[in-house]
Amino acid sequence: MFKKEIIVTEVALRDGSHAIAHSYTVDQVVRIAKALDDAKMPFIEVSHGDGLGGSSLQYGLSTTNEFELIEAAVNSCHHSKIAVLLIPGIGTVKELKTAAKIGAKMARIATHVTEADVSKQHISMSKELGLETVGFLMMSHMAPVEKLVEQAKLMESYGADVVYMVDSAGAFLPHEVKERIAALRGSIAIEVGFHAHNNLSLAMANTLVAIEEGATRIDGSVRCLGAGAGNTQTEVLIGVLERLGIKTGIDFYKMMDLAEGIVAPILQTPQEITKGSLILGYAGVYSSFLLHANRAAKKWNVDSRDILIELGKQKVVGGQEDMIQEVACMLANKKLTVF
């Protein structure tokens, strides 16, 4: 049975940063945050695409310092609370403290699905700072059900208020989501969340399956503005949930107006399932790799799809972006050898 109330977090100002090469301006963040606040969005995530501290040569340099963007969002909202993402090893406790000081109210501590143990310090600090604290298990398709449950229990034991199953590659099929969310719901006492990507055109279907199995926290990105082919499209999700009689407290019309009037003009290209994003889901590769793979393909004169397929075979995960250039170089050398 579907739950009657769902809490939505809007991720376009974090996950969407990947899609626009981390080029958000203060003005853009203010306009989007104000419109989301007016629509009564519960949480708005604002960070570099790879979380606090992510602005770097390896992950992509931000046009504007992320703390300026976070503070601008905080000052623009009366209803919505600002969330930040932190990946231990990229972001540190120092950045987390700064985010809390300037007004963030939620921290989402993200690790690879098999590495929840590295989140203990950051989850504990988040709780000490009085933040609502989310454990965020990325690339969840890479772990069997038992391992996923084990890692979720670790995050719960560290003090997380919610644990998310994150489909970073957009690789899950509905029956796989069903099995895993049911297992999580039956194994931990805290809330379960789900974050989808649309690389196989299954974000909405997978999100609805997750809700049906007991997930009460759901992520969406307005106008699908997220890495790869984007996330579950927020304004569509709100309409679908209303049809199902599920309450979110979010204004459906205002979300549609925001999507078309404010976010659409920001998109550098339409968020659709292209050959690149389709391969991300097919190969089970981190969605934020797409722009990096496209650049490497151009540099080495190889097909970006071949790069992503090889990355999938090697089970490369977030944090190993340097492997993209290595794989492209390897494919280029192989191509020269053939000819």
Protein backbone atom coordinates (compact mmCIF):
# COMPACT_ATOMS: atom_id res chain seq x y z
CA MET A 1 0.00 0.00 0.00
CA PHE A 2 1.15 3.55 -0.73
CA LYS A 3 2.01 5.78 2.20
CA LYS A 4 -0.25 8.81 2.62
CA GLU A 5 2.52 11.36 3.28
CA ILE A 6 5.88 11.75 1.56
CA ILE A 7 8.66 14.26 2.28
CA VAL A 8 10.36 15.49 -0.88
CA THR A 9 13.86 16.92 -1.19
CA GLU A 10 14.62 18.99 -4.29
CA VAL A 11 18.12 18.23 -5.59
CA ALA A 12 18.43 20.38 -8.74
CA LEU A 13 20.69 22.86 -6.95
CA ARG A 14 23.14 20.06 -6.10
CA ASP A 15 22.70 17.11 -8.50
CA GLY A 16 21.82 19.57 -11.26
CA SER A 17 25.20 21.20 -10.80
CA HIS A 18 26.71 18.26 -12.71
CA ALA A 19 24.51 18.97 -15.72
CA ILE A 20 25.61 22.60 -16.00
CA ALA A 21 29.31 22.02 -15.18
CA HIS A 22 28.98 23.51 -11.68
CA SER A 23 28.23 26.97 -13.07
CA TYR A 24 25.36 28.10 -10.83
CA THR A 25 25.35 31.80 -10.01
CA VAL A 26 24.01 33.42 -6.85
CA ASP A 27 21.20 35.00 -8.86
CA GLN A 28 20.11 31.64 -10.30
CA VAL A 29 20.17 29.97 -6.88
CA VAL A 30 18.18 32.82 -5.33
CA ARG A 31 15.51 32.72 -8.05
CA ILE A 32 15.12 28.93 -7.87
CA ALA A 33 15.22 28.78 -4.06
CA LYS A 34 12.60 31.55 -3.71
CA ALA A 35 10.28 29.79 -6.14
CA LEU A 36 10.74 26.44 -4.39
CA ASP A 37 10.11 28.09 -1.04
CA ASP A 38 6.94 29.67 -2.41
CA ALA A 39 5.82 26.23 -3.58
CA LYS A 40 6.43 24.89 -0.03
CA MET A 41 9.23 22.47 -0.89
CA PRO A 42 10.31 20.89 2.45
CA PHE A 43 14.04 20.59 1.69
CA ILE A 44 16.30 22.09 -0.98
CA GLU A 45 19.75 20.58 -1.40
CA VAL A 46 22.49 23.08 -2.35
CA SER A 47 26.14 22.09 -2.85
CA HIS A 48 28.71 21.37 -5.51
CA GLY A 49 27.54 18.30 -7.44
CA ASP A 50 30.05 16.17 -5.53
CA GLY A 51 29.13 17.74 -2.23
CA LEU A 52 30.88 20.14 0.13
CA GLY A 53 34.50 20.63 -0.89
CA GLY A 54 33.85 19.17 -4.34
CA SER A 55 35.10 22.17 -6.32
CA SER A 56 38.43 20.89 -7.68
CA LEU A 57 40.22 20.02 -10.89
CA GLN A 58 39.29 16.36 -10.41
CA TYR A 59 35.56 16.86 -9.86
CA GLY A 60 35.04 20.17 -11.64
CA LEU A 61 35.62 23.73 -10.46
CA SER A 62 32.60 25.75 -9.36
CA THR A 63 32.00 29.15 -10.93
CA THR A 64 30.82 30.47 -7.55
CA ASN A 65 31.96 29.42 -4.07
CA GLU A 66 29.43 26.89 -2.79
CA PHE A 67 29.09 28.58 0.60
CA GLU A 68 27.94 31.75 -1.15
CA LEU A 69 25.29 29.68 -2.91
CA ILE A 70 24.22 27.92 0.30
CA GLU A 71 23.97 31.18 2.23
CA ALA A 72 22.02 32.81 -0.61
CA ALA A 73 19.55 29.91 -0.57
CA VAL A 74 19.20 30.07 3.22
CA ASN A 75 18.47 33.81 3.08
CA SER A 76 15.91 33.29 0.30
CA CYS A 77 13.73 30.79 2.16
CA HIS A 78 11.13 31.19 4.88
CA HIS A 79 9.54 27.73 4.67
CA SER A 80 12.05 25.45 2.96
CA LYS A 81 15.10 24.13 4.81
CA ILE A 82 18.47 23.96 3.08
CA ALA A 83 20.29 20.63 2.87
CA VAL A 84 23.90 19.92 1.93
CA LEU A 85 25.65 16.79 0.71
CA LEU A 86 29.01 15.67 2.07
CA ILE A 87 31.11 12.77 0.82
CA PRO A 88 33.77 11.88 3.42
CA GLY A 89 37.16 12.22 1.78
CA ILE A 90 35.95 15.06 -0.43
CA GLY A 91 34.30 17.19 2.23
CA THR A 92 35.46 17.39 5.83
CA VAL A 93 34.00 18.20 9.24
CA LYS A 94 35.29 21.76 8.73
CA GLU A 95 33.02 22.29 5.71
CA LEU A 96 30.12 20.67 7.56
CA LYS A 97 30.52 23.10 10.46
CA THR A 98 30.64 26.04 8.06
CA ALA A 99 27.45 24.90 6.32
CA ALA A 100 25.67 24.60 9.67
CA LYS A 101 26.93 28.01 10.76
CA ILE A 102 25.47 29.74 7.69
CA GLY A 103 22.09 28.09 8.13
CA ALA A 104 21.92 24.61 6.58
CA LYS A 105 19.44 22.40 8.47
CA MET A 106 20.09 18.97 6.93
CA ALA A 107 23.28 17.08 6.10
CA ARG A 108 23.27 14.13 3.74
CA ILE A 109 26.39 12.06 4.40
CA ALA A 110 27.14 10.04 1.27
CA THR A 111 29.37 7.00 0.84
CA HIS A 112 29.75 4.20 -1.64
CA VAL A 113 27.24 1.47 -0.77
CA THR A 114 29.93 -0.77 0.77
CA GLU A 115 31.76 1.97 2.69
CA ALA A 116 29.29 3.22 5.31
CA ASP A 117 31.95 2.83 8.00
CA VAL A 118 33.71 6.00 6.76
CA SER A 119 30.60 8.06 7.58
CA LYS A 120 30.67 7.60 11.36
CA GLN A 121 32.58 10.79 12.20
CA HIS A 122 30.53 12.94 9.86
CA ILE A 123 27.13 11.54 10.87
CA SER A 124 28.07 12.02 14.54
CA MET A 125 29.20 15.59 13.94
CA SER A 126 26.07 16.37 11.96
CA LYS A 127 23.97 15.25 14.91
CA GLU A 128 26.11 17.30 17.33
CA LEU A 129 25.49 20.34 15.15
CA GLY A 130 21.74 19.79 15.44
CA LEU A 131 21.23 18.95 11.77
CA GLU A 132 18.73 16.46 10.47
CA THR A 133 21.09 13.73 9.34
CA VAL A 134 20.72 11.45 6.33
CA GLY A 135 22.84 8.44 5.42
CA PHE A 136 23.18 8.32 1.63
CA LEU A 137 24.27 4.96 0.19
CA MET A 138 25.42 5.69 -3.36
CA MET A 139 25.69 3.22 -6.25
CA SER A 140 23.37 0.89 -4.35
CA HIS A 141 22.94 -1.36 -7.38
CA MET A 142 26.52 -2.60 -6.84
CA ALA A 143 25.70 -4.42 -3.59
CA PRO A 144 23.50 -7.45 -2.90
CA VAL A 145 20.50 -6.98 -0.63
CA GLU A 146 22.28 -8.34 2.44
CA LYS A 147 25.21 -5.93 2.09
CA LEU A 148 22.88 -2.96 1.54
CA VAL A 149 20.99 -3.80 4.73
CA GLU A 150 24.25 -4.25 6.66
CA GLN A 151 25.53 -0.84 5.57
CA ALA A 152 22.21 0.86 6.33
CA LYS A 153 22.32 -0.58 9.83
CA LEU A 154 25.77 0.93 10.32
CA MET A 155 24.51 4.38 9.38
CA GLU A 156 21.54 3.91 11.69
CA SER A 157 23.88 2.94 14.53
CA TYR A 158 25.93 6.12 13.97
CA GLY A 159 22.81 8.22 14.51
CA ALA A 160 21.33 8.82 11.06
CA ASP A 161 17.67 9.89 11.09
CA VAL A 162 17.08 8.53 7.58
CA VAL A 163 18.93 6.15 5.25
CA TYR A 164 18.64 6.55 1.49
CA MET A 165 19.11 3.91 -1.16
CA VAL A 166 20.71 5.85 -4.01
CA ASP A 167 20.54 4.74 -7.63
CA SER A 168 23.51 6.88 -8.69
CA ALA A 169 23.80 5.16 -12.08
CA GLY A 170 20.10 4.94 -12.87
CA ALA A 171 20.70 1.21 -13.27
CA PHE A 172 17.99 -0.31 -11.07
CA LEU A 173 15.01 -2.17 -12.47
CA PRO A 174 11.70 -1.92 -10.55
CA HIS A 175 11.80 -5.45 -9.11
CA GLU A 176 15.29 -4.75 -7.73
CA VAL A 177 14.09 -1.57 -6.03
CA LYS A 178 11.10 -3.42 -4.61
CA GLU A 179 13.25 -6.14 -3.07
CA ARG A 180 15.78 -3.75 -1.56
CA ILE A 181 13.41 -1.16 -0.13
CA ALA A 182 11.31 -3.92 1.43
CA ALA A 183 14.45 -5.39 3.00
CA LEU A 184 15.52 -2.01 4.38
CA ARG A 185 12.05 -1.24 5.69
CA GLY A 186 12.01 -4.58 7.50
CA SER A 187 15.52 -4.21 8.95
CA ILE A 188 15.95 -0.66 10.28
CA ALA A 189 13.80 1.44 12.58
CA ILE A 190 14.46 4.81 10.95
CA GLU A 191 12.93 6.22 7.76
CA VAL A 192 14.00 4.95 4.34
CA GLY A 193 14.56 7.23 1.36
CA PHE A 194 15.12 6.74 -2.36
CA HIS A 195 17.08 8.80 -4.90
CA ALA A 196 16.64 7.84 -8.55
CA HIS A 197 18.29 8.68 -11.87
CA ASN A 198 16.45 8.44 -15.17
CA ASN A 199 19.12 6.93 -17.41
CA LEU A 200 16.94 3.92 -18.27
CA SER A 201 13.70 5.96 -18.19
CA LEU A 202 12.74 4.23 -14.93
CA ALA A 203 13.15 7.00 -12.34
CA MET A 204 9.41 7.54 -11.85
CA ALA A 205 8.56 3.84 -11.91
CA ASN A 206 11.34 3.02 -9.45
CA THR A 207 10.31 5.91 -7.19
CA LEU A 208 6.70 4.72 -7.05
CA VAL A 209 7.82 1.17 -6.27
CA ALA A 210 10.02 2.53 -3.48
CA ILE A 211 7.09 4.48 -2.02
CA GLU A 212 4.83 1.45 -2.27
CA GLU A 213 7.40 -0.59 -0.31
CA GLY A 214 7.64 1.97 2.47
CA ALA A 215 10.08 4.72 1.47
CA THR A 216 8.87 8.03 2.94
CA ARG A 217 11.69 10.33 1.80
CA ILE A 218 12.00 10.93 -1.94
CA ASP A 219 14.32 13.07 -4.05
CA GLY A 220 13.33 14.90 -7.20
CA SER A 221 14.93 17.38 -9.58
CA VAL A 222 12.80 20.06 -11.18
CA ARG A 223 12.80 19.81 -14.98
CA CYS A 224 14.90 16.63 -14.49
CA LEU A 225 17.94 18.85 -13.80
CA GLY A 226 20.46 16.32 -12.52
CA ALA A 227 23.44 14.23 -13.58
CA GLY A 228 23.05 11.92 -16.57
CA ALA A 229 19.43 12.02 -17.74
CA GLY A 230 18.47 13.67 -14.47
CA ASN A 231 16.45 12.45 -11.51
CA THR A 232 12.78 11.80 -10.89
CA GLN A 233 11.18 14.96 -12.33
CA THR A 234 9.82 16.82 -9.31
CA GLU A 235 6.87 18.62 -10.87
CA VAL A 236 5.72 15.39 -12.53
CA LEU A 237 6.20 13.48 -9.28
CA ILE A 238 3.98 15.95 -7.40
CA GLY A 239 1.21 15.52 -9.97
CA VAL A 240 1.46 11.73 -9.87
CA LEU A 241 1.43 11.65 -6.07
CA GLU A 242 -1.66 13.89 -6.00
CA ARG A 243 -3.39 11.46 -8.37
CA LEU A 244 -2.52 8.69 -5.90
CA GLY A 245 -3.89 10.66 -2.96
CA ILE A 246 -0.44 11.05 -1.39
CA LYS A 247 0.20 14.30 0.47
CA THR A 248 3.39 16.33 -0.01
CA GLY A 249 2.20 19.84 0.85
CA ILE A 250 3.87 21.12 -2.34
CA ASP A 251 2.02 23.39 -4.77
CA PHE A 252 1.70 21.53 -8.09
CA TYR A 253 1.01 24.61 -10.25
CA LYS A 254 3.88 26.59 -8.76
CA MET A 255 6.27 23.71 -9.42
CA MET A 256 5.19 23.61 -13.06
CA ASP A 257 5.63 27.38 -13.39
CA LEU A 258 9.10 27.18 -11.79
CA ALA A 259 10.13 24.36 -14.12
CA GLU A 260 9.16 26.19 -17.31
CA GLY A 261 9.78 29.80 -16.37
CA ILE A 262 12.98 29.67 -14.32
CA VAL A 263 14.77 26.34 -14.64
CA ALA A 264 14.25 25.55 -18.33
CA PRO A 265 16.19 28.63 -19.52
CA ILE A 266 19.18 27.57 -17.37
CA LEU A 267 19.52 24.17 -19.03
CA GLN A 268 22.47 24.09 -21.41
CA THR A 269 20.82 21.20 -23.29
CA PRO A 270 17.43 19.53 -22.68
CA GLN A 271 17.49 16.84 -20.02
CA GLU A 272 16.67 13.81 -22.12
CA ILE A 273 17.89 10.26 -22.45
CA THR A 274 20.74 10.51 -24.90
CA LYS A 275 23.08 7.72 -25.98
CA GLY A 276 25.48 8.81 -23.25
CA SER A 277 23.01 8.77 -20.37
CA LEU A 278 21.45 5.55 -21.65
CA ILE A 279 24.85 3.86 -21.52
CA LEU A 280 25.33 5.12 -17.94
CA GLY A 281 22.28 3.15 -16.82
CA TYR A 282 23.05 0.16 -19.01
CA ALA A 283 26.65 -0.11 -17.78
CA GLY A 284 25.86 0.85 -14.18
CA VAL A 285 28.21 3.85 -14.14
CA TYR A 286 28.04 6.89 -11.86
CA SER A 287 25.81 9.49 -13.54
CA SER A 288 28.21 12.38 -12.91
CA PHE A 289 30.78 10.67 -15.17
CA LEU A 290 28.92 11.70 -18.34
CA LEU A 291 30.41 15.16 -18.89
CA HIS A 292 33.88 13.88 -17.96
CA ALA A 293 33.53 10.98 -20.42
CA ASN A 294 32.36 13.30 -23.21
CA ARG A 295 35.39 15.54 -22.70
CA ALA A 296 37.78 12.57 -22.62
CA ALA A 297 36.19 11.12 -25.77
CA LYS A 298 36.77 14.40 -27.62
CA LYS A 299 40.35 14.66 -26.39
CA TRP A 300 41.32 11.08 -27.32
CA ASN A 301 39.05 10.71 -30.39
CA VAL A 302 37.17 7.69 -29.06
CA ASP A 303 33.50 6.89 -28.49
CA SER A 304 32.27 8.05 -25.07
CA ARG A 305 30.05 4.96 -24.94
CA ASP A 306 33.12 2.73 -25.10
CA ILE A 307 34.65 4.68 -22.23
CA LEU A 308 31.55 4.27 -20.07
CA ILE A 309 31.15 0.57 -20.88
CA GLU A 310 34.77 -0.05 -19.89
CA LEU A 311 34.34 1.95 -16.68
CA GLY A 312 31.35 -0.25 -15.88
CA LYS A 313 33.36 -3.41 -16.51
CA GLN A 314 36.07 -2.13 -14.16
CA LYS A 315 33.42 -1.22 -11.54
CA VAL A 316 34.79 2.30 -11.26
CA VAL A 317 32.94 4.42 -8.69
CA GLY A 318 32.66 8.05 -7.63
CA GLY A 319 36.03 9.39 -6.53
CA GLN A 320 37.84 7.59 -9.35
CA GLU A 321 37.24 10.26 -12.00
CA ASP A 322 40.93 10.11 -12.96
CA MET A 323 40.22 6.66 -14.41
CA ILE A 324 38.09 8.24 -17.14
CA GLN A 325 41.12 9.76 -18.85
CA GLU A 326 43.12 6.56 -18.34
CA VAL A 327 40.42 4.43 -19.97
CA ALA A 328 40.06 6.89 -22.86
CA CYS A 329 43.83 6.82 -23.44
CA MET A 330 43.83 3.02 -23.33
CA LEU A 331 41.03 2.83 -25.89
CA ALA A 332 42.80 5.33 -28.14
CA ASN A 333 46.02 3.32 -28.05
CA LYS A 334 44.09 0.14 -28.80
CA LYS A 335 42.45 1.89 -31.75
CA LEU A 336 45.84 2.96 -33.11
CA THR A 337 47.19 -0.58 -32.72
CA VAL A 338 44.27 -2.01 -34.72
CA PHE A 339 44.91 0.42 -37.56
